[in-house]
Amino acid sequence: MKINALGLTTESSDGDILDVYFPYVEFGEDKNIDKKPVITGSKNKNIINLNTDLKDLLNPIKNIADAYLRLHLLSYKFALPNSINLDGLFEVLPNVVWTNYGAVSTKEIQSKILESKLENKELIIKSIDKFPCLTDYIIPEGVRIADTSRVRLGAYLSEGTTIMHEGFVNFNAGTLGKAMIEGRISAGVVVGSNSDLGGGCSTMGTLSGGNNTRISIGKNCLLGANSGLGIPLGDNCIIEAGLYLTAGTKVTLSNQTVVKASELSNRNNLLFIRNSISGIVEAKTNNKSIELNSKLHKNN
């Protein structure tokens, strides 16, 4: 399958590429982003045409343009999280100062600050990072994001997703259907349709800390406020508020058998609670069903 993309680069005064915006992508014969825009280059902006193949996405990232294309493919929802190779991403992407005027080189930001003071032009520094905000490049359809600084380019957000102020979505992660996100979706984590991540909850990613297991959350699940998840969760599961379930957590089943939480990976219809008297983590059959408020997820 052929992939053709029209890109616009931002370059430093030294000619280093800082970022690439792809307003138009042809993904095979049937998928593309609206109509191909007519754009021209300008000061520190250059037009590029990138042609690649689907099988090339299985190889490590080659350069900055390749890296930004893969992040765009995820956020345009042409590629699912964990379906393309992102090896080399951190090595390729430069650390950039993200401002209200776009990407600025870390070598040039001090002069830009001085210039803004002298000319009374407000310069707002939003972050210093390798990854920009999703909404500086792509506005996903049917999605509500209360704080756009907390969603990175490369996030995969399905229609009906609502991300509240405490929610965070990393690159190569996201939602596979409508969902309420008030917690953290770490890199590599996917959340099933009709699931609710409560305020301050966390999912364990694979970028650091030695965790090699891809965490996922099934359909119709609830992670209570300030809970945590370190195993793949099946459908119709609940983790009570404040309980952090790691792979090594000892869990007592209804028949009094004690197992590691990892042995319950991808199991459906489980309720994880901590016994308030004994402190033991227990897994019971979940007889409740999670229903999102449809009014909150009709994001038109």
C-alpha atoms as a PDB file:
ATOM      1  CA  MET A   1       0.000   0.000   0.000  1.00  0.00           C
ATOM      2  CA  LYS A   2       1.384   3.373  -1.040  1.00  0.00           C
ATOM      3  CA  ILE A   3       1.437   6.412   1.261  1.00  0.00           C
ATOM      4  CA  ASN A   4       1.870   9.890  -0.209  1.00  0.00           C
ATOM      5  CA  ALA A   5       2.081  12.908   2.065  1.00  0.00           C
ATOM      6  CA  LEU A   6       2.402  16.657   1.577  1.00  0.00           C
ATOM      7  CA  GLY A   7       4.442  18.255   4.350  1.00  0.00           C
ATOM      8  CA  LEU A   8       5.516  21.676   5.556  1.00  0.00           C
ATOM      9  CA  THR A   9       8.762  21.852   7.516  1.00  0.00           C
ATOM     10  CA  THR A  10       9.862  24.447  10.053  1.00  0.00           C
ATOM     11  CA  GLU A  11      13.602  25.063  10.003  1.00  0.00           C
ATOM     12  CA  SER A  12      16.035  26.912  12.237  1.00  0.00           C
ATOM     13  CA  SER A  13      18.332  29.622  10.879  1.00  0.00           C
ATOM     14  CA  ASP A  14      20.979  26.900  10.604  1.00  0.00           C
ATOM     15  CA  GLY A  15      18.718  24.867   8.322  1.00  0.00           C
ATOM     16  CA  ASP A  16      17.887  22.197  10.923  1.00  0.00           C
ATOM     17  CA  ILE A  17      14.365  20.765  10.637  1.00  0.00           C
ATOM     18  CA  LEU A  18      12.420  21.383  13.852  1.00  0.00           C
ATOM     19  CA  ASP A  19       9.045  19.892  12.934  1.00  0.00           C
ATOM     20  CA  VAL A  20       6.949  18.761   9.958  1.00  0.00           C
ATOM     21  CA  TYR A  21       3.236  19.341   9.492  1.00  0.00           C
ATOM     22  CA  PHE A  22       1.382  17.004   7.110  1.00  0.00           C
ATOM     23  CA  PRO A  23      -1.946  18.657   6.171  1.00  0.00           C
ATOM     24  CA  TYR A  24      -2.584  16.065   3.472  1.00  0.00           C
ATOM     25  CA  VAL A  25      -1.985  12.312   3.405  1.00  0.00           C
ATOM     26  CA  GLU A  26      -3.057   9.710   0.847  1.00  0.00           C
ATOM     27  CA  PHE A  27      -3.178   6.319   2.568  1.00  0.00           C
ATOM     28  CA  GLY A  28      -3.684   3.755  -0.153  1.00  0.00           C
ATOM     29  CA  GLU A  29      -6.372   4.304  -2.764  1.00  0.00           C
ATOM     30  CA  ASP A  30      -9.369   4.903  -0.513  1.00  0.00           C
ATOM     31  CA  LYS A  31      -8.214   7.016   2.449  1.00  0.00           C
ATOM     32  CA  ASN A  32      -7.067  10.607   2.452  1.00  0.00           C
ATOM     33  CA  ILE A  33      -7.427  13.854   4.366  1.00  0.00           C
ATOM     34  CA  ASP A  34     -10.045  16.024   2.617  1.00  0.00           C
ATOM     35  CA  LYS A  35      -8.820  17.858  -0.483  1.00  0.00           C
ATOM     36  CA  LYS A  36      -5.162  18.441  -1.217  1.00  0.00           C
ATOM     37  CA  PRO A  37      -4.387  22.036  -0.157  1.00  0.00           C
ATOM     38  CA  VAL A  38      -2.398  24.479  -2.239  1.00  0.00           C
ATOM     39  CA  ILE A  39       0.487  25.724  -0.096  1.00  0.00           C
ATOM     40  CA  THR A  40       3.697  27.600  -0.753  1.00  0.00           C
ATOM     41  CA  GLY A  41       6.881  27.848   1.236  1.00  0.00           C
ATOM     42  CA  SER A  42       7.909  30.977   3.127  1.00  0.00           C
ATOM     43  CA  LYS A  43      10.591  32.161   5.519  1.00  0.00           C
ATOM     44  CA  ASN A  44      11.906  29.115   7.429  1.00  0.00           C
ATOM     45  CA  LYS A  45       9.092  27.002   5.875  1.00  0.00           C
ATOM     46  CA  ASN A  46       9.696  24.459   3.102  1.00  0.00           C
ATOM     47  CA  ILE A  47       7.359  22.092   1.286  1.00  0.00           C
ATOM     48  CA  ILE A  48       8.210  18.388   1.077  1.00  0.00           C
ATOM     49  CA  ASN A  49       6.522  15.440  -0.613  1.00  0.00           C
ATOM     50  CA  LEU A  50       7.048  12.153   1.188  1.00  0.00           C
ATOM     51  CA  ASN A  51       6.315   8.878  -0.593  1.00  0.00           C
ATOM     52  CA  THR A  52       6.554   5.616   1.284  1.00  0.00           C
ATOM     53  CA  ASP A  53       4.943   2.215   1.595  1.00  0.00           C
ATOM     54  CA  LEU A  54       3.023   0.529   4.380  1.00  0.00           C
ATOM     55  CA  LYS A  55       5.745  -2.099   4.783  1.00  0.00           C
ATOM     56  CA  ASP A  56       8.287   0.693   5.377  1.00  0.00           C
ATOM     57  CA  LEU A  57       6.415   1.553   8.575  1.00  0.00           C
ATOM     58  CA  LEU A  58       7.631  -1.742  10.025  1.00  0.00           C
ATOM     59  CA  ASN A  59      11.240  -0.518   9.851  1.00  0.00           C
ATOM     60  CA  PRO A  60      12.893   1.856  12.356  1.00  0.00           C
ATOM     61  CA  ILE A  61      12.424   5.586  11.841  1.00  0.00           C
ATOM     62  CA  LYS A  62      14.942   7.133   9.424  1.00  0.00           C
ATOM     63  CA  ASN A  63      14.663  10.894   9.979  1.00  0.00           C
ATOM     64  CA  ILE A  64      12.535  13.734  11.378  1.00  0.00           C
ATOM     65  CA  ALA A  65      10.100  13.795   8.447  1.00  0.00           C
ATOM     66  CA  ASP A  66       9.578  10.038   8.759  1.00  0.00           C
ATOM     67  CA  ALA A  67       8.997  10.423  12.517  1.00  0.00           C
ATOM     68  CA  TYR A  68       6.401  13.165  12.081  1.00  0.00           C
ATOM     69  CA  LEU A  69       4.618  11.243   9.337  1.00  0.00           C
ATOM     70  CA  ARG A  70       4.203   8.237  11.625  1.00  0.00           C
ATOM     71  CA  LEU A  71       2.855  10.434  14.434  1.00  0.00           C
ATOM     72  CA  HIS A  72       0.401  12.020  11.991  1.00  0.00           C
ATOM     73  CA  LEU A  73      -0.729   8.586  10.744  1.00  0.00           C
ATOM     74  CA  LEU A  74      -1.605   7.642  14.319  1.00  0.00           C
ATOM     75  CA  SER A  75      -3.504  10.856  15.031  1.00  0.00           C
ATOM     76  CA  TYR A  76      -5.284  10.807  11.650  1.00  0.00           C
ATOM     77  CA  LYS A  77      -6.285   7.262  12.695  1.00  0.00           C
ATOM     78  CA  PHE A  78      -4.783   5.643   9.618  1.00  0.00           C
ATOM     79  CA  ALA A  79      -2.701   3.399  11.900  1.00  0.00           C
ATOM     80  CA  LEU A  80      -3.626   1.853  15.241  1.00  0.00           C
ATOM     81  CA  PRO A  81      -1.353   2.258  18.276  1.00  0.00           C
ATOM     82  CA  ASN A  82       1.375  -0.407  18.391  1.00  0.00           C
ATOM     83  CA  SER A  83       0.844  -1.260  14.711  1.00  0.00           C
ATOM     84  CA  ILE A  84       3.836   0.675  13.311  1.00  0.00           C
ATOM     85  CA  ASN A  85       7.505   0.731  14.280  1.00  0.00           C
ATOM     86  CA  LEU A  86       8.517   3.739  16.399  1.00  0.00           C
ATOM     87  CA  ASP A  87      12.066   2.598  17.175  1.00  0.00           C
ATOM     88  CA  GLY A  88      14.448   5.532  16.933  1.00  0.00           C
ATOM     89  CA  LEU A  89      11.776   8.142  17.638  1.00  0.00           C
ATOM     90  CA  PHE A  90      13.505   9.740  20.614  1.00  0.00           C
ATOM     91  CA  GLU A  91      16.884   9.644  18.907  1.00  0.00           C
ATOM     92  CA  VAL A  92      15.567  11.364  15.764  1.00  0.00           C
ATOM     93  CA  LEU A  93      13.297  14.051  17.220  1.00  0.00           C
ATOM     94  CA  PRO A  94      15.080  17.228  18.371  1.00  0.00           C
ATOM     95  CA  ASN A  95      14.268  18.986  21.630  1.00  0.00           C
ATOM     96  CA  VAL A  96      12.253  22.038  20.584  1.00  0.00           C
ATOM     97  CA  VAL A  97      10.836  25.132  22.264  1.00  0.00           C
ATOM     98  CA  TRP A  98       7.110  25.193  21.456  1.00  0.00           C
ATOM     99  CA  THR A  99       5.699  28.725  21.362  1.00  0.00           C
ATOM    100  CA  ASN A 100       2.647  30.629  20.170  1.00  0.00           C
ATOM    101  CA  TYR A 101       4.680  31.265  17.002  1.00  0.00           C
ATOM    102  CA  GLY A 102       5.432  27.589  16.498  1.00  0.00           C
ATOM    103  CA  ALA A 103       8.654  25.590  16.853  1.00  0.00           C
ATOM    104  CA  VAL A 104      11.833  27.460  17.855  1.00  0.00           C
ATOM    105  CA  SER A 105      15.323  26.020  18.137  1.00  0.00           C
ATOM    106  CA  THR A 106      16.711  25.794  21.675  1.00  0.00           C
ATOM    107  CA  LYS A 107      19.806  27.569  20.304  1.00  0.00           C
ATOM    108  CA  GLU A 108      17.732  30.557  19.179  1.00  0.00           C
ATOM    109  CA  ILE A 109      15.108  30.954  21.893  1.00  0.00           C
ATOM    110  CA  GLN A 110      17.048  33.486  23.973  1.00  0.00           C
ATOM    111  CA  SER A 111      17.357  35.831  21.002  1.00  0.00           C
ATOM    112  CA  LYS A 112      13.634  35.346  20.285  1.00  0.00           C
ATOM    113  CA  ILE A 113      12.804  36.291  23.881  1.00  0.00           C
ATOM    114  CA  LEU A 114      14.912  39.462  23.610  1.00  0.00           C
ATOM    115  CA  GLU A 115      13.306  40.291  20.270  1.00  0.00           C
ATOM    116  CA  SER A 116       9.817  39.890  21.748  1.00  0.00           C
ATOM    117  CA  LYS A 117      10.668  42.255  24.603  1.00  0.00           C
ATOM    118  CA  LEU A 118      12.111  44.908  22.316  1.00  0.00           C
ATOM    119  CA  GLU A 119       9.180  44.769  19.900  1.00  0.00           C
ATOM    120  CA  ASN A 120       6.468  44.334  22.574  1.00  0.00           C
ATOM    121  CA  LYS A 121       5.323  41.099  20.946  1.00  0.00           C
ATOM    122  CA  GLU A 122       4.132  38.522  23.430  1.00  0.00           C
ATOM    123  CA  LEU A 123       6.105  35.282  23.195  1.00  0.00           C
ATOM    124  CA  ILE A 124       4.469  32.413  25.057  1.00  0.00           C
ATOM    125  CA  ILE A 125       6.586  29.339  25.718  1.00  0.00           C
ATOM    126  CA  LYS A 126       4.216  26.389  26.022  1.00  0.00           C
ATOM    127  CA  SER A 127       6.795  23.654  26.547  1.00  0.00           C
ATOM    128  CA  ILE A 128      10.338  22.475  25.827  1.00  0.00           C
ATOM    129  CA  ASP A 129       9.969  18.942  24.539  1.00  0.00           C
ATOM    130  CA  LYS A 130      10.493  16.530  21.666  1.00  0.00           C
ATOM    131  CA  PHE A 131       6.729  16.179  21.168  1.00  0.00           C
ATOM    132  CA  PRO A 132       4.230  18.932  20.357  1.00  0.00           C
ATOM    133  CA  CYS A 133       0.541  19.075  21.262  1.00  0.00           C
ATOM    134  CA  LEU A 134      -1.831  17.123  19.052  1.00  0.00           C
ATOM    135  CA  THR A 135      -4.056  20.133  18.413  1.00  0.00           C
ATOM    136  CA  ASP A 136      -1.233  22.224  16.964  1.00  0.00           C
ATOM    137  CA  TYR A 137      -1.477  19.861  13.965  1.00  0.00           C
ATOM    138  CA  ILE A 138      -4.714  17.853  13.976  1.00  0.00           C
ATOM    139  CA  ILE A 139      -8.200  18.452  15.365  1.00  0.00           C
ATOM    140  CA  PRO A 140      -9.840  15.025  15.728  1.00  0.00           C
ATOM    141  CA  GLU A 141     -13.520  14.881  14.845  1.00  0.00           C
ATOM    142  CA  GLY A 142     -16.081  14.344  17.588  1.00  0.00           C
ATOM    143  CA  VAL A 143     -13.588  14.716  20.442  1.00  0.00           C
ATOM    144  CA  ARG A 144     -13.588  17.051  23.442  1.00  0.00           C
ATOM    145  CA  ILE A 145     -10.272  18.008  25.108  1.00  0.00           C
ATOM    146  CA  ALA A 146     -10.430  20.292  28.147  1.00  0.00           C
ATOM    147  CA  ASP A 147      -6.660  20.969  28.270  1.00  0.00           C
ATOM    148  CA  THR A 148      -5.001  20.494  24.888  1.00  0.00           C
ATOM    149  CA  SER A 149      -1.490  20.695  26.367  1.00  0.00           C
ATOM    150  CA  ARG A 150      -2.063  17.240  27.865  1.00  0.00           C
ATOM    151  CA  VAL A 151      -2.513  15.360  24.576  1.00  0.00           C
ATOM    152  CA  ARG A 152       0.557  14.726  22.409  1.00  0.00           C
ATOM    153  CA  LEU A 153       0.784  14.430  18.653  1.00  0.00           C
ATOM    154  CA  GLY A 154       0.585  10.705  17.933  1.00  0.00           C
ATOM    155  CA  ALA A 155      -2.441  10.174  20.185  1.00  0.00           C
ATOM    156  CA  TYR A 156      -5.224   8.080  18.643  1.00  0.00           C
ATOM    157  CA  LEU A 157      -8.603   9.491  19.708  1.00  0.00           C
ATOM    158  CA  SER A 158     -11.845   7.906  18.546  1.00  0.00           C
ATOM    159  CA  GLU A 159     -15.043   9.866  18.054  1.00  0.00           C
ATOM    160  CA  GLY A 160     -16.959  10.289  21.302  1.00  0.00           C
ATOM    161  CA  THR A 161     -13.824  10.571  23.444  1.00  0.00           C
ATOM    162  CA  THR A 162     -13.933  13.189  26.205  1.00  0.00           C
ATOM    163  CA  ILE A 163     -10.674  14.151  27.922  1.00  0.00           C
ATOM    164  CA  MET A 164     -11.119  16.242  31.039  1.00  0.00           C
ATOM    165  CA  HIS A 165      -8.545  18.603  32.594  1.00  0.00           C
ATOM    166  CA  GLU A 166      -6.614  15.897  34.476  1.00  0.00           C
ATOM    167  CA  GLY A 167      -6.613  13.516  31.531  1.00  0.00           C
ATOM    168  CA  PHE A 168      -3.393  12.862  29.600  1.00  0.00           C
ATOM    169  CA  VAL A 169      -2.827  10.896  26.394  1.00  0.00           C
ATOM    170  CA  ASN A 170       0.685  10.099  25.166  1.00  0.00           C
ATOM    171  CA  PHE A 171       1.750   9.296  21.604  1.00  0.00           C
ATOM    172  CA  ASN A 172       1.078   5.761  20.298  1.00  0.00           C
ATOM    173  CA  ALA A 173      -1.826   5.460  22.728  1.00  0.00           C
ATOM    174  CA  GLY A 174      -5.492   6.306  22.867  1.00  0.00           C
ATOM    175  CA  THR A 175      -9.116   5.222  22.666  1.00  0.00           C
ATOM    176  CA  LEU A 176     -10.803   2.679  20.404  1.00  0.00           C
ATOM    177  CA  GLY A 177     -14.310   4.066  20.927  1.00  0.00           C
ATOM    178  CA  LYS A 178     -16.132   6.623  23.033  1.00  0.00           C
ATOM    179  CA  ALA A 179     -14.497   6.990  26.438  1.00  0.00           C
ATOM    180  CA  MET A 180     -14.232   9.296  29.443  1.00  0.00           C
ATOM    181  CA  ILE A 181     -10.600  10.090  30.237  1.00  0.00           C
ATOM    182  CA  GLU A 182      -9.790  11.800  33.534  1.00  0.00           C
ATOM    183  CA  GLY A 183      -6.579   9.840  34.078  1.00  0.00           C
ATOM    184  CA  ARG A 184      -3.318   9.027  32.315  1.00  0.00           C
ATOM    185  CA  ILE A 185      -3.050   6.936  29.143  1.00  0.00           C
ATOM    186  CA  SER A 186       0.662   6.143  28.829  1.00  0.00           C
ATOM    187  CA  ALA A 187       2.509   5.341  25.598  1.00  0.00           C
ATOM    188  CA  GLY A 188       1.377   2.042  24.086  1.00  0.00           C
ATOM    189  CA  VAL A 189      -1.852   1.855  26.098  1.00  0.00           C
ATOM    190  CA  VAL A 190      -5.237   1.523  24.371  1.00  0.00           C
ATOM    191  CA  VAL A 191      -8.656   1.952  25.973  1.00  0.00           C
ATOM    192  CA  GLY A 192     -11.712   0.053  24.766  1.00  0.00           C
ATOM    193  CA  SER A 193     -15.070   1.570  23.907  1.00  0.00           C
ATOM    194  CA  ASN A 194     -17.403   2.752  26.666  1.00  0.00           C
ATOM    195  CA  SER A 195     -14.670   2.752  29.326  1.00  0.00           C
ATOM    196  CA  ASP A 196     -14.104   5.364  32.027  1.00  0.00           C
ATOM    197  CA  LEU A 197     -10.723   6.350  33.487  1.00  0.00           C
ATOM    198  CA  GLY A 198     -11.423   8.147  36.763  1.00  0.00           C
ATOM    199  CA  GLY A 199      -9.680  11.262  38.019  1.00  0.00           C
ATOM    200  CA  GLY A 200      -5.951  10.855  38.637  1.00  0.00           C
ATOM    201  CA  CYS A 201      -5.794   7.181  37.656  1.00  0.00           C
ATOM    202  CA  SER A 202      -2.718   5.866  35.866  1.00  0.00           C
ATOM    203  CA  THR A 203      -1.810   3.203  33.331  1.00  0.00           C
ATOM    204  CA  MET A 204       1.704   1.785  33.248  1.00  0.00           C
ATOM    205  CA  GLY A 205       3.562   2.430  29.980  1.00  0.00           C
ATOM    206  CA  THR A 206       6.548   0.732  28.391  1.00  0.00           C
ATOM    207  CA  LEU A 207       8.874   3.709  27.790  1.00  0.00           C
ATOM    208  CA  SER A 208      10.753   3.425  31.077  1.00  0.00           C
ATOM    209  CA  GLY A 209      10.795   1.554  34.364  1.00  0.00           C
ATOM    210  CA  GLY A 210      11.437  -1.903  32.945  1.00  0.00           C
ATOM    211  CA  ASN A 211       7.828  -2.727  32.051  1.00  0.00           C
ATOM    212  CA  ASN A 212       7.684  -4.722  28.805  1.00  0.00           C
ATOM    213  CA  THR A 213       4.011  -5.696  28.950  1.00  0.00           C
ATOM    214  CA  ARG A 214       1.645  -3.660  26.806  1.00  0.00           C
ATOM    215  CA  ILE A 215      -1.221  -2.505  28.944  1.00  0.00           C
ATOM    216  CA  SER A 216      -4.724  -2.355  27.510  1.00  0.00           C
ATOM    217  CA  ILE A 217      -8.153  -1.696  28.925  1.00  0.00           C
ATOM    218  CA  GLY A 218     -11.109  -3.611  27.550  1.00  0.00           C
ATOM    219  CA  LYS A 219     -14.599  -2.425  26.754  1.00  0.00           C
ATOM    220  CA  ASN A 220     -16.999  -1.203  29.466  1.00  0.00           C
ATOM    221  CA  CYS A 221     -14.342  -0.832  32.133  1.00  0.00           C
ATOM    222  CA  LEU A 222     -13.943   1.584  35.046  1.00  0.00           C
ATOM    223  CA  LEU A 223     -10.691   2.631  36.682  1.00  0.00           C
ATOM    224  CA  GLY A 224     -11.614   4.393  39.908  1.00  0.00           C
ATOM    225  CA  ALA A 225     -10.100   7.713  40.931  1.00  0.00           C
ATOM    226  CA  ASN A 226      -6.362   7.498  41.757  1.00  0.00           C
ATOM    227  CA  SER A 227      -6.215   3.814  40.838  1.00  0.00           C
ATOM    228  CA  GLY A 228      -3.463   2.288  38.717  1.00  0.00           C
ATOM    229  CA  LEU A 229      -3.136  -0.514  36.207  1.00  0.00           C
ATOM    230  CA  GLY A 230      -0.122  -2.661  35.366  1.00  0.00           C
ATOM    231  CA  ILE A 231      -1.788  -5.591  33.581  1.00  0.00           C
ATOM    232  CA  PRO A 232      -3.936  -5.893  30.424  1.00  0.00           C
ATOM    233  CA  LEU A 233      -7.539  -5.631  31.582  1.00  0.00           C
ATOM    234  CA  GLY A 234     -10.378  -7.578  29.994  1.00  0.00           C
ATOM    235  CA  ASP A 235     -13.910  -6.372  29.242  1.00  0.00           C
ATOM    236  CA  ASN A 236     -16.405  -5.314  31.931  1.00  0.00           C
ATOM    237  CA  CYS A 237     -13.822  -4.889  34.673  1.00  0.00           C
ATOM    238  CA  ILE A 238     -13.605  -2.430  37.573  1.00  0.00           C
ATOM    239  CA  ILE A 239     -10.641  -1.365  39.711  1.00  0.00           C
ATOM    240  CA  GLU A 240     -11.756   0.415  42.850  1.00  0.00           C
ATOM    241  CA  ALA A 241     -10.566   3.923  43.677  1.00  0.00           C
ATOM    242  CA  GLY A 242      -7.042   4.125  45.080  1.00  0.00           C
ATOM    243  CA  LEU A 243      -6.006   0.560  44.197  1.00  0.00           C
ATOM    244  CA  TYR A 244      -2.841   0.203  42.105  1.00  0.00           C
ATOM    245  CA  LEU A 245      -2.849  -3.207  40.481  1.00  0.00           C
ATOM    246  CA  THR A 246       0.643  -4.188  39.316  1.00  0.00           C
ATOM    247  CA  ALA A 247       1.604  -7.465  37.654  1.00  0.00           C
ATOM    248  CA  GLY A 248       3.036  -8.765  40.930  1.00  0.00           C
ATOM    249  CA  THR A 249       0.137  -7.783  43.177  1.00  0.00           C
ATOM    250  CA  LYS A 250      -1.117 -10.798  45.139  1.00  0.00           C
ATOM    251  CA  VAL A 251      -4.837 -11.201  44.506  1.00  0.00           C
ATOM    252  CA  THR A 252      -7.208 -13.449  46.458  1.00  0.00           C
ATOM    253  CA  LEU A 253      -9.964 -15.049  44.373  1.00  0.00           C
ATOM    254  CA  SER A 254     -13.451 -15.999  45.563  1.00  0.00           C
ATOM    255  CA  ASN A 255     -12.274 -19.587  46.202  1.00  0.00           C
ATOM    256  CA  GLN A 256      -9.473 -18.188  48.425  1.00  0.00           C
ATOM    257  CA  THR A 257      -6.778 -19.053  45.865  1.00  0.00           C
ATOM    258  CA  VAL A 258      -3.996 -16.457  45.783  1.00  0.00           C
ATOM    259  CA  VAL A 259      -2.517 -15.561  42.390  1.00  0.00           C
ATOM    260  CA  LYS A 260      -0.418 -12.787  40.904  1.00  0.00           C
ATOM    261  CA  ALA A 261      -2.481 -10.155  39.109  1.00  0.00           C
ATOM    262  CA  SER A 262      -0.606 -10.970  35.891  1.00  0.00           C
ATOM    263  CA  GLU A 263      -2.345 -14.370  35.874  1.00  0.00           C
ATOM    264  CA  LEU A 264      -5.651 -12.503  35.507  1.00  0.00           C
ATOM    265  CA  SER A 265      -4.550 -10.547  32.433  1.00  0.00           C
ATOM    266  CA  ASN A 266      -7.306 -10.051  29.835  1.00  0.00           C
ATOM    267  CA  ARG A 267      -9.898 -11.824  32.006  1.00  0.00           C
ATOM    268  CA  ASN A 268     -13.402 -10.415  31.662  1.00  0.00           C
ATOM    269  CA  ASN A 269     -15.972  -9.462  34.326  1.00  0.00           C
ATOM    270  CA  LEU A 270     -13.665  -8.886  37.275  1.00  0.00           C
ATOM    271  CA  LEU A 271     -13.997  -6.451  40.176  1.00  0.00           C
ATOM    272  CA  PHE A 272     -10.725  -5.637  41.942  1.00  0.00           C
ATOM    273  CA  ILE A 273     -11.048  -4.245  45.484  1.00  0.00           C
ATOM    274  CA  ARG A 274      -8.911  -3.950  48.609  1.00  0.00           C
ATOM    275  CA  ASN A 275     -10.578  -5.416  51.708  1.00  0.00           C
ATOM    276  CA  SER A 276     -10.897  -2.463  54.082  1.00  0.00           C
ATOM    277  CA  ILE A 277     -10.389  -4.690  57.143  1.00  0.00           C
ATOM    278  CA  SER A 278      -7.623  -7.111  56.116  1.00  0.00           C
ATOM    279  CA  GLY A 279      -5.974  -4.988  53.398  1.00  0.00           C
ATOM    280  CA  ILE A 280      -6.001  -7.995  51.054  1.00  0.00           C
ATOM    281  CA  VAL A 281      -6.570  -7.320  47.341  1.00  0.00           C
ATOM    282  CA  GLU A 282      -9.519  -9.362  46.145  1.00  0.00           C
ATOM    283  CA  ALA A 283     -10.944 -10.195  42.709  1.00  0.00           C
ATOM    284  CA  LYS A 284     -14.645 -10.892  42.540  1.00  0.00           C
ATOM    285  CA  THR A 285     -17.100 -11.404  39.716  1.00  0.00           C
ATOM    286  CA  ASN A 286     -18.260  -8.050  38.425  1.00  0.00           C
ATOM    287  CA  ASN A 287     -22.018  -7.963  38.035  1.00  0.00           C
ATOM    288  CA  LYS A 288     -22.213  -4.239  37.291  1.00  0.00           C
ATOM    289  CA  SER A 289     -22.309  -2.666  33.859  1.00  0.00           C
ATOM    290  CA  ILE A 290     -20.611   0.616  32.964  1.00  0.00           C
ATOM    291  CA  GLU A 291     -22.709   3.122  31.033  1.00  0.00           C
ATOM    292  CA  LEU A 292     -21.220   6.429  29.917  1.00  0.00           C
ATOM    293  CA  ASN A 293     -23.457   9.481  29.900  1.00  0.00           C
ATOM    294  CA  SER A 294     -24.351   9.788  26.214  1.00  0.00           C
ATOM    295  CA  LYS A 295     -24.847  13.555  26.565  1.00  0.00           C
ATOM    296  CA  LEU A 296     -21.207  13.978  27.593  1.00  0.00           C
ATOM    297  CA  HIS A 297     -19.870  12.093  24.575  1.00  0.00           C
ATOM    298  CA  LYS A 298     -21.938  13.539  21.745  1.00  0.00           C
ATOM    299  CA  ASN A 299     -19.163  15.984  20.915  1.00  0.00           C
ATOM    300  CA  ASN A 300     -20.691  17.895  18.024  1.00  0.00           C
END
